[in-house]
Amino acid sequence: MKILLPDRSCRDAGPDPVTVDELLHDLGFDPVEVIVSRNGTLVSEDAVVGNNDEVRIIRIAHGG
């Protein structure tokens, strides 16, 4: 699995399937502060990613 981080760096992870929530926790991201896409489609925290997926973690910008 290829992981694209908010700072535009990439990481490779093993092929074992995990939920988005588990992946975010392992990488140290708060699920409230990011959205995640799998192969170009937004997915929820309970979606399963793995194998040949491309996962993009996008930081949510908010303010006033």
PDB file of N, CA and C in Angstrom:
ATOM      1  N   MET A   1       0.851  -1.172   0.000  1.00  0.00           N
ATOM      2  CA  MET A   1       0.000   0.000   0.000  1.00  0.00           C
ATOM      3  C   MET A   1       0.895   1.233   0.000  1.00  0.00           C
ATOM      4  N   LYS A   2       0.551   2.173  -0.838  1.00  0.00           N
ATOM      5  CA  LYS A   2       1.285   3.444  -0.923  1.00  0.00           C
ATOM      6  C   LYS A   2       0.478   4.493  -0.160  1.00  0.00           C
ATOM      7  N   ILE A   3       1.152   5.204   0.754  1.00  0.00           N
ATOM      8  CA  ILE A   3       0.495   6.216   1.567  1.00  0.00           C
ATOM      9  C   ILE A   3       1.086   7.574   1.233  1.00  0.00           C
ATOM     10  N   LEU A   4       0.223   8.510   0.817  1.00  0.00           N
ATOM     11  CA  LEU A   4       0.636   9.882   0.525  1.00  0.00           C
ATOM     12  C   LEU A   4       0.236  10.744   1.713  1.00  0.00           C
ATOM     13  N   LEU A   5       1.228  11.334   2.364  1.00  0.00           N
ATOM     14  CA  LEU A   5       1.008  12.111   3.582  1.00  0.00           C
ATOM     15  C   LEU A   5       0.729  13.580   3.263  1.00  0.00           C
ATOM     16  N   PRO A   6       0.163  14.320   4.228  1.00  0.00           N
ATOM     17  CA  PRO A   6      -0.151  15.734   3.992  1.00  0.00           C
ATOM     18  C   PRO A   6       1.056  16.588   3.599  1.00  0.00           C
ATOM     19  N   ASP A   7       2.256  16.211   4.028  1.00  0.00           N
ATOM     20  CA  ASP A   7       3.440  16.991   3.669  1.00  0.00           C
ATOM     21  C   ASP A   7       3.999  16.590   2.294  1.00  0.00           C
ATOM     22  N   ARG A   8       3.227  15.805   1.550  1.00  0.00           N
ATOM     23  CA  ARG A   8       3.538  15.347   0.189  1.00  0.00           C
ATOM     24  C   ARG A   8       4.605  14.266   0.132  1.00  0.00           C
ATOM     25  N   SER A   9       5.016  13.746   1.293  1.00  0.00           N
ATOM     26  CA  SER A   9       5.948  12.621   1.293  1.00  0.00           C
ATOM     27  C   SER A   9       5.140  11.328   1.136  1.00  0.00           C
ATOM     28  N   CYS A  10       5.848  10.258   0.782  1.00  0.00           N
ATOM     29  CA  CYS A  10       5.211   8.961   0.567  1.00  0.00           C
ATOM     30  C   CYS A  10       5.796   7.926   1.508  1.00  0.00           C
ATOM     31  N   ARG A  11       4.970   6.988   1.881  1.00  0.00           N
ATOM     32  CA  ARG A  11       5.409   5.836   2.660  1.00  0.00           C
ATOM     33  C   ARG A  11       4.805   4.593   2.042  1.00  0.00           C
ATOM     34  N   ASP A  12       5.521   3.517   2.144  1.00  0.00           N
ATOM     35  CA  ASP A  12       4.980   2.231   1.736  1.00  0.00           C
ATOM     36  C   ASP A  12       4.648   1.450   2.990  1.00  0.00           C
ATOM     37  N   ALA A  13       3.503   0.807   2.988  1.00  0.00           N
ATOM     38  CA  ALA A  13       3.091  -0.023   4.110  1.00  0.00           C
ATOM     39  C   ALA A  13       2.868  -1.436   3.595  1.00  0.00           C
ATOM     40  N   GLY A  14       2.844  -2.356   4.495  1.00  0.00           N
ATOM     41  CA  GLY A  14       2.656  -3.748   4.116  1.00  0.00           C
ATOM     42  C   GLY A  14       1.311  -3.995   3.462  1.00  0.00           C
ATOM     43  N   PRO A  15       1.156  -5.155   2.870  1.00  0.00           N
ATOM     44  CA  PRO A  15      -0.081  -5.465   2.149  1.00  0.00           C
ATOM     45  C   PRO A  15      -1.246  -5.868   3.057  1.00  0.00           C
ATOM     46  N   ASP A  16      -0.975  -6.038   4.348  1.00  0.00           N
ATOM     47  CA  ASP A  16      -2.038  -6.490   5.245  1.00  0.00           C
ATOM     48  C   ASP A  16      -3.148  -5.452   5.341  1.00  0.00           C
ATOM     49  N   PRO A  17      -4.398  -5.880   5.204  1.00  0.00           N
ATOM     50  CA  PRO A  17      -5.520  -4.942   5.296  1.00  0.00           C
ATOM     51  C   PRO A  17      -5.680  -4.397   6.713  1.00  0.00           C
ATOM     52  N   VAL A  18      -5.967  -3.106   6.810  1.00  0.00           N
ATOM     53  CA  VAL A  18      -6.255  -2.440   8.082  1.00  0.00           C
ATOM     54  C   VAL A  18      -7.377  -1.441   7.831  1.00  0.00           C
ATOM     55  N   THR A  19      -8.038  -1.026   8.894  1.00  0.00           N
ATOM     56  CA  THR A  19      -9.040   0.024   8.733  1.00  0.00           C
ATOM     57  C   THR A  19      -8.329   1.372   8.642  1.00  0.00           C
ATOM     58  N   VAL A  20      -9.006   2.340   8.078  1.00  0.00           N
ATOM     59  CA  VAL A  20      -8.452   3.692   7.996  1.00  0.00           C
ATOM     60  C   VAL A  20      -8.165   4.212   9.394  1.00  0.00           C
ATOM     61  N   ASP A  21      -9.051   3.934  10.340  1.00  0.00           N
ATOM     62  CA  ASP A  21      -8.853   4.382  11.722  1.00  0.00           C
ATOM     63  C   ASP A  21      -7.559   3.811  12.297  1.00  0.00           C
ATOM     64  N   GLU A  22      -7.304   2.527  12.092  1.00  0.00           N
ATOM     65  CA  GLU A  22      -6.067   1.904  12.582  1.00  0.00           C
ATOM     66  C   GLU A  22      -4.837   2.518  11.912  1.00  0.00           C
ATOM     67  N   LEU A  23      -4.937   2.740  10.619  1.00  0.00           N
ATOM     68  CA  LEU A  23      -3.818   3.334   9.885  1.00  0.00           C
ATOM     69  C   LEU A  23      -3.501   4.728  10.414  1.00  0.00           C
ATOM     70  N   LEU A  24      -4.527   5.554  10.602  1.00  0.00           N
ATOM     71  CA  LEU A  24      -4.308   6.906  11.111  1.00  0.00           C
ATOM     72  C   LEU A  24      -3.686   6.869  12.496  1.00  0.00           C
ATOM     73  N   HIS A  25      -4.173   5.978  13.330  1.00  0.00           N
ATOM     74  CA  HIS A  25      -3.613   5.848  14.684  1.00  0.00           C
ATOM     75  C   HIS A  25      -2.139   5.452  14.620  1.00  0.00           C
ATOM     76  N   ASP A  26      -1.816   4.468  13.782  1.00  0.00           N
ATOM     77  CA  ASP A  26      -0.431   4.006  13.650  1.00  0.00           C
ATOM     78  C   ASP A  26       0.496   5.115  13.152  1.00  0.00           C
ATOM     79  N   LEU A  27      -0.028   6.012  12.301  1.00  0.00           N
ATOM     80  CA  LEU A  27       0.780   7.098  11.746  1.00  0.00           C
ATOM     81  C   LEU A  27       0.771   8.352  12.623  1.00  0.00           C
ATOM     82  N   GLY A  28      -0.043   8.349  13.690  1.00  0.00           N
ATOM     83  CA  GLY A  28      -0.077   9.486  14.605  1.00  0.00           C
ATOM     84  C   GLY A  28      -0.980  10.623  14.177  1.00  0.00           C
ATOM     85  N   PHE A  29      -1.989  10.333  13.361  1.00  0.00           N
ATOM     86  CA  PHE A  29      -2.930  11.369  12.920  1.00  0.00           C
ATOM     87  C   PHE A  29      -4.224  11.274  13.708  1.00  0.00           C
ATOM     88  N   ASP A  30      -4.802  12.437  14.022  1.00  0.00           N
ATOM     89  CA  ASP A  30      -6.110  12.512  14.661  1.00  0.00           C
ATOM     90  C   ASP A  30      -7.155  12.465  13.546  1.00  0.00           C
ATOM     91  N   PRO A  31      -8.061  11.495  13.551  1.00  0.00           N
ATOM     92  CA  PRO A  31      -9.060  11.381  12.484  1.00  0.00           C
ATOM     93  C   PRO A  31      -9.941  12.621  12.323  1.00  0.00           C
ATOM     94  N   VAL A  32     -10.038  13.454  13.345  1.00  0.00           N
ATOM     95  CA  VAL A  32     -10.839  14.674  13.269  1.00  0.00           C
ATOM     96  C   VAL A  32     -10.155  15.731  12.403  1.00  0.00           C
ATOM     97  N   GLU A  33      -8.850  15.635  12.248  1.00  0.00           N
ATOM     98  CA  GLU A  33      -8.082  16.659  11.538  1.00  0.00           C
ATOM     99  C   GLU A  33      -7.763  16.317  10.083  1.00  0.00           C
ATOM    100  N   VAL A  34      -8.152  15.129   9.621  1.00  0.00           N
ATOM    101  CA  VAL A  34      -7.810  14.712   8.258  1.00  0.00           C
ATOM    102  C   VAL A  34      -8.990  14.025   7.583  1.00  0.00           C
ATOM    103  N   ILE A  35      -8.940  13.969   6.253  1.00  0.00           N
ATOM    104  CA  ILE A  35      -9.818  13.106   5.477  1.00  0.00           C
ATOM    105  C   ILE A  35      -8.918  12.163   4.693  1.00  0.00           C
ATOM    106  N   VAL A  36      -9.462  11.047   4.272  1.00  0.00           N
ATOM    107  CA  VAL A  36      -8.660  10.016   3.628  1.00  0.00           C
ATOM    108  C   VAL A  36      -9.329   9.568   2.343  1.00  0.00           C
ATOM    109  N   SER A  37      -8.523   9.428   1.283  1.00  0.00           N
ATOM    110  CA  SER A  37      -9.039   8.851   0.047  1.00  0.00           C
ATOM    111  C   SER A  37      -8.291   7.564  -0.256  1.00  0.00           C
ATOM    112  N   ARG A  38      -9.016   6.602  -0.835  1.00  0.00           N
ATOM    113  CA  ARG A  38      -8.439   5.338  -1.275  1.00  0.00           C
ATOM    114  C   ARG A  38      -8.647   5.266  -2.780  1.00  0.00           C
ATOM    115  N   ASN A  39      -7.543   5.249  -3.516  1.00  0.00           N
ATOM    116  CA  ASN A  39      -7.593   5.193  -4.975  1.00  0.00           C
ATOM    117  C   ASN A  39      -8.470   6.303  -5.565  1.00  0.00           C
ATOM    118  N   GLY A  40      -8.384   7.495  -4.950  1.00  0.00           N
ATOM    119  CA  GLY A  40      -9.072   8.669  -5.475  1.00  0.00           C
ATOM    120  C   GLY A  40     -10.485   8.880  -4.976  1.00  0.00           C
ATOM    121  N   THR A  41     -10.993   8.005  -4.103  1.00  0.00           N
ATOM    122  CA  THR A  41     -12.345   8.126  -3.583  1.00  0.00           C
ATOM    123  C   THR A  41     -12.292   8.303  -2.069  1.00  0.00           C
ATOM    124  N   LEU A  42     -13.013   9.315  -1.550  1.00  0.00           N
ATOM    125  CA  LEU A  42     -13.042   9.533  -0.108  1.00  0.00           C
ATOM    126  C   LEU A  42     -13.653   8.324   0.591  1.00  0.00           C
ATOM    127  N   VAL A  43     -13.054   7.940   1.721  1.00  0.00           N
ATOM    128  CA  VAL A  43     -13.536   6.790   2.479  1.00  0.00           C
ATOM    129  C   VAL A  43     -13.693   7.165   3.950  1.00  0.00           C
ATOM    130  N   SER A  44     -14.509   6.398   4.655  1.00  0.00           N
ATOM    131  CA  SER A  44     -14.733   6.640   6.082  1.00  0.00           C
ATOM    132  C   SER A  44     -13.675   5.923   6.905  1.00  0.00           C
ATOM    133  N   GLU A  45     -13.701   6.189   8.205  1.00  0.00           N
ATOM    134  CA  GLU A  45     -12.700   5.615   9.109  1.00  0.00           C
ATOM    135  C   GLU A  45     -12.813   4.103   9.238  1.00  0.00           C
ATOM    136  N   ASP A  46     -13.985   3.534   8.945  1.00  0.00           N
ATOM    137  CA  ASP A  46     -14.141   2.085   9.064  1.00  0.00           C
ATOM    138  C   ASP A  46     -13.855   1.342   7.761  1.00  0.00           C
ATOM    139  N   ALA A  47     -13.478   2.072   6.701  1.00  0.00           N
ATOM    140  CA  ALA A  47     -13.116   1.440   5.427  1.00  0.00           C
ATOM    141  C   ALA A  47     -11.818   0.663   5.594  1.00  0.00           C
ATOM    142  N   VAL A  48     -11.686  -0.418   4.852  1.00  0.00           N
ATOM    143  CA  VAL A  48     -10.486  -1.250   4.909  1.00  0.00           C
ATOM    144  C   VAL A  48      -9.588  -0.913   3.728  1.00  0.00           C
ATOM    145  N   VAL A  49      -8.302  -0.706   4.017  1.00  0.00           N
ATOM    146  CA  VAL A  49      -7.309  -0.418   2.974  1.00  0.00           C
ATOM    147  C   VAL A  49      -6.186  -1.444   3.080  1.00  0.00           C
ATOM    148  N   GLY A  50      -5.495  -1.641   1.974  1.00  0.00           N
ATOM    149  CA  GLY A  50      -4.386  -2.594   1.968  1.00  0.00           C
ATOM    150  C   GLY A  50      -4.000  -2.958   0.557  1.00  0.00           C
ATOM    151  N   ASN A  51      -3.208  -3.995   0.428  1.00  0.00           N
ATOM    152  CA  ASN A  51      -2.758  -4.522  -0.854  1.00  0.00           C
ATOM    153  C   ASN A  51      -2.194  -3.434  -1.750  1.00  0.00           C
ATOM    154  N   ASN A  52      -2.778  -3.219  -2.907  1.00  0.00           N
ATOM    155  CA  ASN A  52      -2.248  -2.271  -3.889  1.00  0.00           C
ATOM    156  C   ASN A  52      -2.947  -0.917  -3.842  1.00  0.00           C
ATOM    157  N   ASP A  53      -3.597  -0.595  -2.734  1.00  0.00           N
ATOM    158  CA  ASP A  53      -4.306   0.678  -2.618  1.00  0.00           C
ATOM    159  C   ASP A  53      -3.326   1.844  -2.531  1.00  0.00           C
ATOM    160  N   GLU A  54      -3.774   2.988  -3.073  1.00  0.00           N
ATOM    161  CA  GLU A  54      -3.070   4.247  -2.863  1.00  0.00           C
ATOM    162  C   GLU A  54      -3.932   5.058  -1.909  1.00  0.00           C
ATOM    163  N   VAL A  55      -3.388   5.338  -0.738  1.00  0.00           N
ATOM    164  CA  VAL A  55      -4.120   6.049   0.307  1.00  0.00           C
ATOM    165  C   VAL A  55      -3.535   7.438   0.449  1.00  0.00           C
ATOM    166  N   ARG A  56      -4.398   8.450   0.366  1.00  0.00           N
ATOM    167  CA  ARG A  56      -3.956   9.844   0.519  1.00  0.00           C
ATOM    168  C   ARG A  56      -4.594  10.413   1.785  1.00  0.00           C
ATOM    169  N   ILE A  57      -3.756  10.964   2.652  1.00  0.00           N
ATOM    170  CA  ILE A  57      -4.223  11.604   3.872  1.00  0.00           C
ATOM    171  C   ILE A  57      -4.148  13.110   3.649  1.00  0.00           C
ATOM    172  N   ILE A  58      -5.292  13.767   3.799  1.00  0.00           N
ATOM    173  CA  ILE A  58      -5.398  15.199   3.496  1.00  0.00           C
ATOM    174  C   ILE A  58      -5.779  15.934   4.771  1.00  0.00           C
ATOM    175  N   ARG A  59      -4.933  16.866   5.168  1.00  0.00           N
ATOM    176  CA  ARG A  59      -5.206  17.645   6.383  1.00  0.00           C
ATOM    177  C   ARG A  59      -6.312  18.651   6.082  1.00  0.00           C
ATOM    178  N   ILE A  60      -7.270  18.761   6.994  1.00  0.00           N
ATOM    179  CA  ILE A  60      -8.375  19.697   6.853  1.00  0.00           C
ATOM    180  C   ILE A  60      -7.927  21.050   7.361  1.00  0.00           C
ATOM    181  N   ALA A  61      -8.070  22.060   6.531  1.00  0.00           N
ATOM    182  CA  ALA A  61      -7.742  23.442   6.944  1.00  0.00           C
ATOM    183  C   ALA A  61      -9.022  24.098   7.440  1.00  0.00           C
ATOM    184  N   HIS A  62      -8.937  24.665   8.617  1.00  0.00           N
ATOM    185  CA  HIS A  62     -10.109  25.363   9.152  1.00  0.00           C
ATOM    186  C   HIS A  62      -9.640  26.585   9.924  1.00  0.00           C
ATOM    187  N   GLY A  63     -10.507  27.499  10.018  1.00  0.00           N
ATOM    188  CA  GLY A  63     -10.174  28.732  10.715  1.00  0.00           C
ATOM    189  C   GLY A  63     -11.279  29.743  10.516  1.00  0.00           C
ATOM    190  N   GLY A  64     -10.991  30.960  10.862  1.00  0.00           N
ATOM    191  CA  GLY A  64     -12.056  31.942  10.745  1.00  0.00           C
ATOM    192  C   GLY A  64     -11.580  33.253  10.234  1.00  0.00           C
TER     193      GLY A  64
END
